[in-house]
Amino acid sequence: MVKTCILIPVYNESKEIGQVVDGIKKKGLDVLVVDDGSTDNCGEIARQKGAKVMRNQARCGKGLSLREGFKEVLKGTYDGVITMDGDGQHDPDDLDRFLSREEFEPVCIITGDRMINTQDMPRLRYWTNRFMSFLISVICHQPVPDTQCGFRYIHRKILEDIKITCNDFEIETEV
């Protein structure tokens, strides 16, 4: 079986992070939460629910938080990492789709797709995402329907081989 760590960058997500970590821990998976200088107690809630927690003393951005989390994951014996948001928009029950898929395509990146259900997505975000997804798909010579989705699996070998430099939300496009 593939050993995977779930990495969640958070900033002031105390209302949702407990449920997210609970859902992941029920699946028997390791959880690493990177608290990006939150002013609420989301890091402590995550810790109480069983997550390992790292904390940035000041807000540094989602990209830097993920980069620090990737470094920590690579110190372990994990085959890969699944990133997800701590605000509840990514359902821990959907982790099974990633976990079953990674066994068939072991050295890969698997990106979630929020574009299947877009009725609650703001129109500007929808059209920006459609445009960026089209552009990145052309550059990558393969379809990537949701380049901005933070719910994704990344194989360890890819994490070891790529250099990520972004500090904020553009990290999804960079990866």
N, C-alpha and C. Protein backbone atom coordinates (compact mmCIF):
# COMPACT_ATOMS: atom_id res chain seq x y z
N MET A 1 0.84 -1.20 0.00
CA MET A 1 0.00 0.00 0.00
C MET A 1 0.88 1.25 0.00
N VAL A 2 0.43 2.27 -0.71
CA VAL A 2 1.14 3.53 -0.82
C VAL A 2 0.93 4.32 0.47
N LYS A 3 2.02 4.88 1.02
CA LYS A 3 1.94 5.66 2.25
C LYS A 3 1.87 7.14 1.87
N THR A 4 0.79 7.78 2.28
CA THR A 4 0.52 9.16 1.88
C THR A 4 0.25 10.03 3.11
N CYS A 5 0.78 11.24 3.09
CA CYS A 5 0.50 12.23 4.12
C CYS A 5 -0.44 13.28 3.54
N ILE A 6 -1.39 13.72 4.35
CA ILE A 6 -2.30 14.78 3.93
C ILE A 6 -1.77 16.10 4.50
N LEU A 7 -1.53 17.07 3.63
CA LEU A 7 -0.96 18.36 4.00
C LEU A 7 -2.01 19.45 3.84
N ILE A 8 -2.24 20.19 4.92
CA ILE A 8 -3.28 21.23 4.90
C ILE A 8 -2.70 22.55 5.39
N PRO A 9 -2.56 23.54 4.50
CA PRO A 9 -2.18 24.88 4.95
C PRO A 9 -3.43 25.59 5.45
N VAL A 10 -3.34 26.27 6.59
CA VAL A 10 -4.52 26.95 7.13
C VAL A 10 -4.18 28.37 7.57
N TYR A 11 -5.19 29.21 7.47
CA TYR A 11 -5.13 30.55 8.04
C TYR A 11 -6.53 30.87 8.56
N ASN A 12 -6.67 30.93 9.87
CA ASN A 12 -7.93 31.25 10.54
C ASN A 12 -9.09 30.36 10.07
N GLU A 13 -8.89 29.06 10.18
CA GLU A 13 -9.92 28.09 9.77
C GLU A 13 -10.47 27.31 10.96
N SER A 14 -10.60 27.95 12.12
CA SER A 14 -11.02 27.24 13.33
C SER A 14 -12.43 26.64 13.22
N LYS A 15 -13.29 27.20 12.38
CA LYS A 15 -14.65 26.68 12.26
C LYS A 15 -14.71 25.34 11.55
N GLU A 16 -13.78 25.07 10.65
CA GLU A 16 -13.86 23.86 9.82
C GLU A 16 -12.74 22.84 10.03
N ILE A 17 -11.58 23.27 10.50
CA ILE A 17 -10.41 22.38 10.51
C ILE A 17 -10.62 21.12 11.35
N GLY A 18 -11.36 21.22 12.44
CA GLY A 18 -11.61 20.05 13.28
C GLY A 18 -12.32 18.95 12.53
N GLN A 19 -13.35 19.30 11.79
CA GLN A 19 -14.09 18.31 11.00
C GLN A 19 -13.23 17.74 9.89
N VAL A 20 -12.44 18.58 9.26
CA VAL A 20 -11.58 18.11 8.17
C VAL A 20 -10.57 17.09 8.70
N VAL A 21 -9.90 17.43 9.80
CA VAL A 21 -8.91 16.50 10.37
C VAL A 21 -9.59 15.22 10.85
N ASP A 22 -10.75 15.34 11.50
CA ASP A 22 -11.49 14.14 11.93
C ASP A 22 -11.76 13.20 10.76
N GLY A 23 -12.24 13.76 9.65
CA GLY A 23 -12.56 12.96 8.48
C GLY A 23 -11.35 12.23 7.92
N ILE A 24 -10.20 12.89 7.97
CA ILE A 24 -8.96 12.28 7.46
C ILE A 24 -8.46 11.21 8.42
N LYS A 25 -8.46 11.51 9.70
CA LYS A 25 -7.97 10.55 10.71
C LYS A 25 -8.82 9.28 10.73
N LYS A 26 -10.13 9.40 10.44
CA LYS A 26 -11.00 8.22 10.37
C LYS A 26 -10.56 7.27 9.27
N LYS A 27 -9.84 7.77 8.29
CA LYS A 27 -9.32 6.95 7.20
C LYS A 27 -7.95 6.36 7.54
N GLY A 28 -7.43 6.68 8.73
CA GLY A 28 -6.15 6.15 9.16
C GLY A 28 -4.95 6.83 8.50
N LEU A 29 -5.13 8.05 8.04
CA LEU A 29 -4.06 8.76 7.34
C LEU A 29 -3.38 9.77 8.26
N ASP A 30 -2.11 10.03 8.00
CA ASP A 30 -1.37 11.06 8.72
C ASP A 30 -1.74 12.43 8.17
N VAL A 31 -1.83 13.40 9.08
CA VAL A 31 -2.20 14.76 8.70
C VAL A 31 -1.14 15.73 9.22
N LEU A 32 -0.66 16.59 8.33
CA LEU A 32 0.24 17.68 8.70
C LEU A 32 -0.47 18.98 8.36
N VAL A 33 -0.68 19.81 9.38
CA VAL A 33 -1.31 21.11 9.20
C VAL A 33 -0.23 22.17 9.36
N VAL A 34 -0.16 23.10 8.41
CA VAL A 34 0.75 24.23 8.53
C VAL A 34 -0.11 25.46 8.78
N ASP A 35 -0.03 25.97 10.00
CA ASP A 35 -0.77 27.15 10.43
C ASP A 35 0.02 28.38 10.02
N ASP A 36 -0.55 29.15 9.12
CA ASP A 36 0.14 30.31 8.54
C ASP A 36 -0.07 31.57 9.37
N GLY A 37 0.33 31.52 10.65
CA GLY A 37 0.25 32.69 11.51
C GLY A 37 -1.16 33.09 11.87
N SER A 38 -2.06 32.13 12.00
CA SER A 38 -3.46 32.41 12.31
C SER A 38 -3.61 33.17 13.62
N THR A 39 -4.68 33.95 13.69
CA THR A 39 -5.00 34.66 14.92
C THR A 39 -6.10 33.94 15.70
N ASP A 40 -6.61 32.85 15.16
CA ASP A 40 -7.57 32.03 15.90
C ASP A 40 -6.84 30.78 16.41
N ASN A 41 -7.54 29.82 16.89
CA ASN A 41 -6.90 28.63 17.47
C ASN A 41 -6.98 27.41 16.56
N CYS A 42 -6.97 27.62 15.24
CA CYS A 42 -7.12 26.48 14.32
C CYS A 42 -5.97 25.48 14.45
N GLY A 43 -4.77 25.94 14.68
CA GLY A 43 -3.64 25.02 14.85
C GLY A 43 -3.83 24.12 16.07
N GLU A 44 -4.29 24.69 17.16
CA GLU A 44 -4.52 23.91 18.38
C GLU A 44 -5.66 22.92 18.19
N ILE A 45 -6.71 23.33 17.49
CA ILE A 45 -7.82 22.42 17.20
C ILE A 45 -7.32 21.24 16.37
N ALA A 46 -6.53 21.52 15.35
CA ALA A 46 -5.98 20.45 14.51
C ALA A 46 -5.12 19.50 15.32
N ARG A 47 -4.31 20.04 16.21
CA ARG A 47 -3.45 19.22 17.07
C ARG A 47 -4.29 18.31 17.97
N GLN A 48 -5.34 18.87 18.56
CA GLN A 48 -6.22 18.10 19.44
C GLN A 48 -6.93 16.98 18.69
N LYS A 49 -7.16 17.17 17.40
CA LYS A 49 -7.84 16.16 16.58
C LYS A 49 -6.87 15.10 16.05
N GLY A 50 -5.55 15.29 16.31
CA GLY A 50 -4.58 14.26 15.93
C GLY A 50 -3.63 14.63 14.82
N ALA A 51 -3.67 15.86 14.35
CA ALA A 51 -2.75 16.29 13.30
C ALA A 51 -1.42 16.72 13.90
N LYS A 52 -0.36 16.55 13.13
CA LYS A 52 0.91 17.19 13.45
C LYS A 52 0.77 18.62 12.95
N VAL A 53 1.24 19.58 13.74
CA VAL A 53 1.05 20.99 13.37
C VAL A 53 2.39 21.72 13.35
N MET A 54 2.64 22.43 12.27
CA MET A 54 3.75 23.37 12.16
C MET A 54 3.12 24.76 12.14
N ARG A 55 3.84 25.76 12.62
CA ARG A 55 3.27 27.12 12.65
C ARG A 55 4.27 28.15 12.14
N ASN A 56 3.80 28.98 11.21
CA ASN A 56 4.54 30.17 10.81
C ASN A 56 4.19 31.25 11.84
N GLN A 57 5.18 31.93 12.36
CA GLN A 57 4.91 32.95 13.38
C GLN A 57 4.13 34.13 12.82
N ALA A 58 4.35 34.44 11.56
CA ALA A 58 3.61 35.51 10.89
C ALA A 58 3.02 34.93 9.61
N ARG A 59 2.04 35.61 9.07
CA ARG A 59 1.43 35.13 7.83
C ARG A 59 2.43 35.24 6.68
N CYS A 60 2.70 34.12 6.02
CA CYS A 60 3.70 34.05 4.95
C CYS A 60 3.09 33.70 3.60
N GLY A 61 1.87 33.21 3.58
CA GLY A 61 1.22 32.84 2.33
C GLY A 61 1.05 31.34 2.19
N LYS A 62 0.07 30.97 1.38
CA LYS A 62 -0.23 29.55 1.16
C LYS A 62 0.95 28.83 0.52
N GLY A 63 1.59 29.45 -0.46
CA GLY A 63 2.70 28.81 -1.15
C GLY A 63 3.85 28.49 -0.23
N LEU A 64 4.25 29.45 0.58
CA LEU A 64 5.35 29.19 1.52
C LEU A 64 4.95 28.12 2.53
N SER A 65 3.71 28.16 3.00
CA SER A 65 3.24 27.14 3.94
C SER A 65 3.29 25.75 3.32
N LEU A 66 2.87 25.64 2.07
CA LEU A 66 2.95 24.34 1.39
C LEU A 66 4.40 23.91 1.19
N ARG A 67 5.25 24.85 0.79
CA ARG A 67 6.66 24.50 0.59
C ARG A 67 7.28 23.97 1.88
N GLU A 68 7.00 24.61 3.01
CA GLU A 68 7.52 24.14 4.30
C GLU A 68 6.94 22.77 4.64
N GLY A 69 5.66 22.59 4.35
CA GLY A 69 5.03 21.29 4.58
C GLY A 69 5.64 20.21 3.70
N PHE A 70 5.91 20.52 2.44
CA PHE A 70 6.55 19.54 1.54
C PHE A 70 7.90 19.10 2.10
N LYS A 71 8.69 20.05 2.60
CA LYS A 71 9.99 19.71 3.20
C LYS A 71 9.82 18.73 4.35
N GLU A 72 8.82 18.99 5.18
CA GLU A 72 8.57 18.12 6.33
C GLU A 72 8.11 16.73 5.88
N VAL A 73 7.25 16.67 4.90
CA VAL A 73 6.77 15.38 4.38
C VAL A 73 7.95 14.57 3.81
N LEU A 74 8.86 15.25 3.11
CA LEU A 74 10.01 14.55 2.52
C LEU A 74 10.98 14.01 3.56
N LYS A 75 10.90 14.51 4.79
CA LYS A 75 11.73 13.96 5.87
C LYS A 75 11.23 12.58 6.30
N GLY A 76 9.98 12.28 6.01
CA GLY A 76 9.37 11.01 6.40
C GLY A 76 9.51 9.96 5.32
N THR A 77 8.80 8.88 5.48
CA THR A 77 8.86 7.75 4.55
C THR A 77 7.64 7.69 3.64
N TYR A 78 7.06 8.83 3.37
CA TYR A 78 5.85 8.89 2.55
C TYR A 78 6.18 8.72 1.08
N ASP A 79 5.26 8.05 0.36
CA ASP A 79 5.39 7.90 -1.10
C ASP A 79 4.85 9.12 -1.82
N GLY A 80 4.00 9.89 -1.15
CA GLY A 80 3.42 11.07 -1.76
C GLY A 80 2.65 11.88 -0.74
N VAL A 81 2.10 12.98 -1.22
CA VAL A 81 1.35 13.90 -0.37
C VAL A 81 0.07 14.29 -1.10
N ILE A 82 -0.98 14.46 -0.33
CA ILE A 82 -2.21 15.03 -0.86
C ILE A 82 -2.42 16.36 -0.16
N THR A 83 -2.52 17.43 -0.94
CA THR A 83 -2.79 18.74 -0.37
C THR A 83 -4.30 18.99 -0.44
N MET A 84 -4.80 19.62 0.59
CA MET A 84 -6.20 20.01 0.58
C MET A 84 -6.37 21.24 1.45
N ASP A 85 -7.47 21.94 1.25
CA ASP A 85 -7.74 23.15 2.02
C ASP A 85 -8.40 22.80 3.34
N GLY A 86 -8.20 23.66 4.32
CA GLY A 86 -8.73 23.43 5.66
C GLY A 86 -10.08 24.08 5.91
N ASP A 87 -10.68 24.68 4.87
CA ASP A 87 -11.93 25.40 5.06
C ASP A 87 -13.17 24.55 4.78
N GLY A 88 -12.98 23.26 4.55
CA GLY A 88 -14.11 22.36 4.35
C GLY A 88 -14.57 22.22 2.91
N GLN A 89 -13.96 22.97 1.97
CA GLN A 89 -14.42 22.84 0.59
C GLN A 89 -13.97 21.54 -0.06
N HIS A 90 -12.97 20.88 0.50
CA HIS A 90 -12.53 19.57 0.01
C HIS A 90 -13.00 18.51 0.99
N ASP A 91 -13.73 17.55 0.51
CA ASP A 91 -14.34 16.52 1.34
C ASP A 91 -13.35 15.38 1.59
N PRO A 92 -13.04 15.09 2.86
CA PRO A 92 -12.14 13.96 3.14
C PRO A 92 -12.60 12.64 2.53
N ASP A 93 -13.90 12.48 2.28
CA ASP A 93 -14.38 11.25 1.64
C ASP A 93 -13.85 11.12 0.21
N ASP A 94 -13.51 12.24 -0.42
CA ASP A 94 -12.96 12.20 -1.78
C ASP A 94 -11.50 11.74 -1.81
N LEU A 95 -10.86 11.62 -0.65
CA LEU A 95 -9.47 11.14 -0.61
C LEU A 95 -9.34 9.74 -1.21
N ASP A 96 -10.38 8.92 -1.07
CA ASP A 96 -10.33 7.57 -1.61
C ASP A 96 -10.11 7.57 -3.12
N ARG A 97 -10.65 8.57 -3.81
CA ARG A 97 -10.44 8.66 -5.26
C ARG A 97 -8.97 8.88 -5.59
N PHE A 98 -8.31 9.73 -4.83
CA PHE A 98 -6.88 9.96 -5.03
C PHE A 98 -6.08 8.71 -4.69
N LEU A 99 -6.41 8.11 -3.56
CA LEU A 99 -5.63 6.97 -3.07
C LEU A 99 -5.76 5.76 -3.98
N SER A 100 -6.92 5.53 -4.58
CA SER A 100 -7.06 4.40 -5.49
C SER A 100 -6.37 4.68 -6.82
N ARG A 101 -6.38 5.90 -7.23
CA ARG A 101 -5.79 6.29 -8.52
C ARG A 101 -4.26 6.25 -8.50
N GLU A 102 -3.65 6.64 -7.36
CA GLU A 102 -2.19 6.73 -7.30
C GLU A 102 -1.53 5.37 -7.46
N GLU A 103 -2.23 4.29 -7.14
CA GLU A 103 -1.64 2.96 -7.30
C GLU A 103 -1.50 2.58 -8.77
N PHE A 104 -2.32 3.18 -9.65
CA PHE A 104 -2.25 2.89 -11.07
C PHE A 104 -1.26 3.79 -11.80
N GLU A 105 -1.05 4.98 -11.27
CA GLU A 105 -0.14 5.94 -11.89
C GLU A 105 0.79 6.47 -10.80
N PRO A 106 1.77 5.66 -10.39
CA PRO A 106 2.52 6.00 -9.18
C PRO A 106 3.33 7.29 -9.22
N VAL A 107 4.03 7.62 -10.29
CA VAL A 107 4.81 8.86 -10.31
C VAL A 107 4.01 9.88 -11.12
N CYS A 108 3.19 10.65 -10.40
CA CYS A 108 2.28 11.56 -11.09
C CYS A 108 1.83 12.67 -10.15
N ILE A 109 1.13 13.61 -10.74
CA ILE A 109 0.35 14.60 -10.00
C ILE A 109 -1.09 14.37 -10.42
N ILE A 110 -1.98 14.24 -9.45
CA ILE A 110 -3.40 14.10 -9.72
C ILE A 110 -4.08 15.34 -9.15
N THR A 111 -4.76 16.07 -10.02
CA THR A 111 -5.39 17.32 -9.60
C THR A 111 -6.89 17.13 -9.49
N GLY A 112 -7.47 17.64 -8.39
CA GLY A 112 -8.92 17.63 -8.23
C GLY A 112 -9.57 18.52 -9.27
N ASP A 113 -10.88 18.41 -9.37
CA ASP A 113 -11.60 19.18 -10.38
C ASP A 113 -12.88 19.75 -9.79
N ARG A 114 -12.86 21.03 -9.47
CA ARG A 114 -14.04 21.71 -8.94
C ARG A 114 -14.98 22.16 -10.05
N MET A 115 -14.56 22.03 -11.30
CA MET A 115 -15.32 22.55 -12.43
C MET A 115 -16.51 21.66 -12.79
N ILE A 116 -16.65 20.53 -12.13
CA ILE A 116 -17.79 19.65 -12.36
C ILE A 116 -19.06 20.28 -11.77
N ASN A 117 -18.90 20.99 -10.66
CA ASN A 117 -20.04 21.57 -9.95
C ASN A 117 -19.70 23.04 -9.65
N THR A 118 -20.09 23.95 -10.53
CA THR A 118 -19.65 25.34 -10.44
C THR A 118 -20.74 26.33 -10.07
N GLN A 119 -21.95 25.87 -9.73
CA GLN A 119 -23.04 26.82 -9.51
C GLN A 119 -22.77 27.80 -8.37
N ASP A 120 -21.96 27.42 -7.37
CA ASP A 120 -21.67 28.34 -6.27
C ASP A 120 -20.36 29.11 -6.45
N MET A 121 -19.68 28.89 -7.56
CA MET A 121 -18.41 29.56 -7.81
C MET A 121 -18.66 30.95 -8.38
N PRO A 122 -18.03 31.98 -7.83
CA PRO A 122 -18.18 33.33 -8.40
C PRO A 122 -17.78 33.34 -9.88
N ARG A 123 -18.52 34.08 -10.69
CA ARG A 123 -18.31 34.09 -12.15
C ARG A 123 -16.89 34.49 -12.53
N LEU A 124 -16.32 35.49 -11.86
CA LEU A 124 -14.96 35.91 -12.20
C LEU A 124 -13.98 34.76 -11.96
N ARG A 125 -14.11 34.07 -10.82
CA ARG A 125 -13.24 32.93 -10.54
C ARG A 125 -13.45 31.82 -11.57
N TYR A 126 -14.69 31.58 -11.94
CA TYR A 126 -15.00 30.56 -12.94
C TYR A 126 -14.28 30.85 -14.25
N TRP A 127 -14.45 32.08 -14.78
CA TRP A 127 -13.85 32.40 -16.08
C TRP A 127 -12.33 32.49 -16.01
N THR A 128 -11.79 33.00 -14.91
CA THR A 128 -10.33 33.02 -14.74
C THR A 128 -9.79 31.60 -14.73
N ASN A 129 -10.47 30.72 -13.99
CA ASN A 129 -10.02 29.34 -13.91
C ASN A 129 -10.12 28.65 -15.27
N ARG A 130 -11.20 28.88 -15.98
CA ARG A 130 -11.35 28.28 -17.32
C ARG A 130 -10.21 28.73 -18.24
N PHE A 131 -9.92 30.04 -18.23
CA PHE A 131 -8.85 30.55 -19.08
C PHE A 131 -7.49 29.97 -18.69
N MET A 132 -7.16 30.01 -17.38
CA MET A 132 -5.87 29.48 -16.93
C MET A 132 -5.76 27.98 -17.19
N SER A 133 -6.84 27.26 -17.01
CA SER A 133 -6.82 25.82 -17.25
C SER A 133 -6.57 25.54 -18.73
N PHE A 134 -7.20 26.32 -19.61
CA PHE A 134 -6.95 26.17 -21.05
C PHE A 134 -5.48 26.43 -21.37
N LEU A 135 -4.96 27.55 -20.85
CA LEU A 135 -3.58 27.93 -21.12
C LEU A 135 -2.59 26.88 -20.62
N ILE A 136 -2.74 26.45 -19.38
CA ILE A 136 -1.84 25.44 -18.81
C ILE A 136 -1.97 24.11 -19.55
N SER A 137 -3.18 23.76 -19.95
CA SER A 137 -3.38 22.52 -20.71
C SER A 137 -2.61 22.56 -22.02
N VAL A 138 -2.63 23.70 -22.69
CA VAL A 138 -1.88 23.84 -23.95
C VAL A 138 -0.38 23.69 -23.67
N ILE A 139 0.11 24.36 -22.63
CA ILE A 139 1.53 24.31 -22.30
C ILE A 139 1.96 22.89 -21.93
N CYS A 140 1.10 22.18 -21.19
CA CYS A 140 1.43 20.82 -20.72
C CYS A 140 1.12 19.73 -21.74
N HIS A 141 0.45 20.08 -22.83
CA HIS A 141 0.06 19.11 -23.86
C HIS A 141 -0.82 18.00 -23.30
N GLN A 142 -1.64 18.35 -22.32
CA GLN A 142 -2.63 17.42 -21.79
C GLN A 142 -3.71 18.22 -21.07
N PRO A 143 -4.91 17.67 -21.00
CA PRO A 143 -5.98 18.43 -20.35
C PRO A 143 -5.80 18.51 -18.83
N VAL A 144 -5.89 19.72 -18.31
CA VAL A 144 -5.89 19.96 -16.87
C VAL A 144 -7.12 20.82 -16.61
N PRO A 145 -8.24 20.21 -16.21
CA PRO A 145 -9.50 20.96 -16.14
C PRO A 145 -9.59 22.00 -15.04
N ASP A 146 -8.79 21.90 -13.99
CA ASP A 146 -8.89 22.85 -12.88
C ASP A 146 -7.50 23.11 -12.31
N THR A 147 -6.75 23.98 -12.96
CA THR A 147 -5.36 24.23 -12.56
C THR A 147 -5.26 24.94 -11.22
N GLN A 148 -6.34 25.54 -10.74
CA GLN A 148 -6.29 26.30 -9.50
C GLN A 148 -6.74 25.50 -8.28
N CYS A 149 -7.09 24.25 -8.48
CA CYS A 149 -7.59 23.43 -7.38
C CYS A 149 -6.44 23.04 -6.45
N GLY A 150 -6.62 23.26 -5.16
CA GLY A 150 -5.60 22.93 -4.17
C GLY A 150 -5.71 21.50 -3.65
N PHE A 151 -6.64 20.73 -4.17
CA PHE A 151 -6.85 19.34 -3.76
C PHE A 151 -6.13 18.47 -4.78
N ARG A 152 -4.92 17.99 -4.41
CA ARG A 152 -4.13 17.22 -5.38
C ARG A 152 -3.15 16.28 -4.70
N TYR A 153 -2.82 15.24 -5.43
CA TYR A 153 -1.80 14.26 -5.01
C TYR A 153 -0.53 14.57 -5.77
N ILE A 154 0.60 14.54 -5.06
CA ILE A 154 1.90 14.74 -5.69
C ILE A 154 2.82 13.62 -5.21
N HIS A 155 3.38 12.89 -6.14
CA HIS A 155 4.28 11.79 -5.80
C HIS A 155 5.60 12.34 -5.23
N ARG A 156 6.17 11.61 -4.32
CA ARG A 156 7.42 11.99 -3.66
C ARG A 156 8.53 12.34 -4.66
N LYS A 157 8.69 11.52 -5.69
CA LYS A 157 9.77 11.74 -6.67
C LYS A 157 9.62 13.11 -7.34
N ILE A 158 8.41 13.50 -7.61
CA ILE A 158 8.17 14.82 -8.21
C ILE A 158 8.53 15.91 -7.23
N LEU A 159 8.12 15.76 -5.95
CA LEU A 159 8.48 16.76 -4.94
C LEU A 159 9.99 16.89 -4.79
N GLU A 160 10.69 15.77 -4.89
CA GLU A 160 12.15 15.81 -4.76
C GLU A 160 12.81 16.49 -5.95
N ASP A 161 12.18 16.37 -7.12
CA ASP A 161 12.82 16.85 -8.36
C ASP A 161 12.45 18.27 -8.78
N ILE A 162 11.33 18.80 -8.31
CA ILE A 162 10.94 20.13 -8.77
C ILE A 162 11.36 21.20 -7.76
N LYS A 163 11.55 22.39 -8.27
CA LYS A 163 11.86 23.53 -7.41
C LYS A 163 10.67 24.48 -7.45
N ILE A 164 10.04 24.64 -6.31
CA ILE A 164 8.87 25.51 -6.20
C ILE A 164 9.32 26.80 -5.51
N THR A 165 8.93 27.95 -6.09
CA THR A 165 9.40 29.23 -5.56
C THR A 165 8.27 30.15 -5.10
N CYS A 166 7.04 29.87 -5.46
CA CYS A 166 5.93 30.77 -5.14
C CYS A 166 5.62 30.77 -3.65
N ASN A 167 5.17 31.92 -3.18
CA ASN A 167 4.83 32.06 -1.76
C ASN A 167 3.34 32.17 -1.49
N ASP A 168 2.51 32.31 -2.51
CA ASP A 168 1.09 32.49 -2.23
C ASP A 168 0.24 31.58 -3.11
N PHE A 169 -0.95 32.01 -3.48
CA PHE A 169 -1.90 31.15 -4.16
C PHE A 169 -1.46 30.71 -5.56
N GLU A 170 -0.51 31.38 -6.15
CA GLU A 170 -0.06 30.99 -7.48
C GLU A 170 0.69 29.66 -7.47
N ILE A 171 0.92 29.10 -6.29
CA ILE A 171 1.62 27.82 -6.19
C ILE A 171 0.88 26.71 -6.95
N GLU A 172 -0.46 26.76 -6.99
CA GLU A 172 -1.20 25.73 -7.73
C GLU A 172 -0.81 25.73 -9.19
N THR A 173 -0.71 26.92 -9.78
CA THR A 173 -0.31 27.01 -11.19
C THR A 173 1.14 26.59 -11.36
N GLU A 174 2.02 26.99 -10.44
CA GLU A 174 3.43 26.63 -10.55
C GLU A 174 3.63 25.12 -10.52
N VAL A 175 2.97 24.45 -9.60
CA VAL A 175 3.10 22.99 -9.51
C VAL A 175 2.53 22.35 -10.75
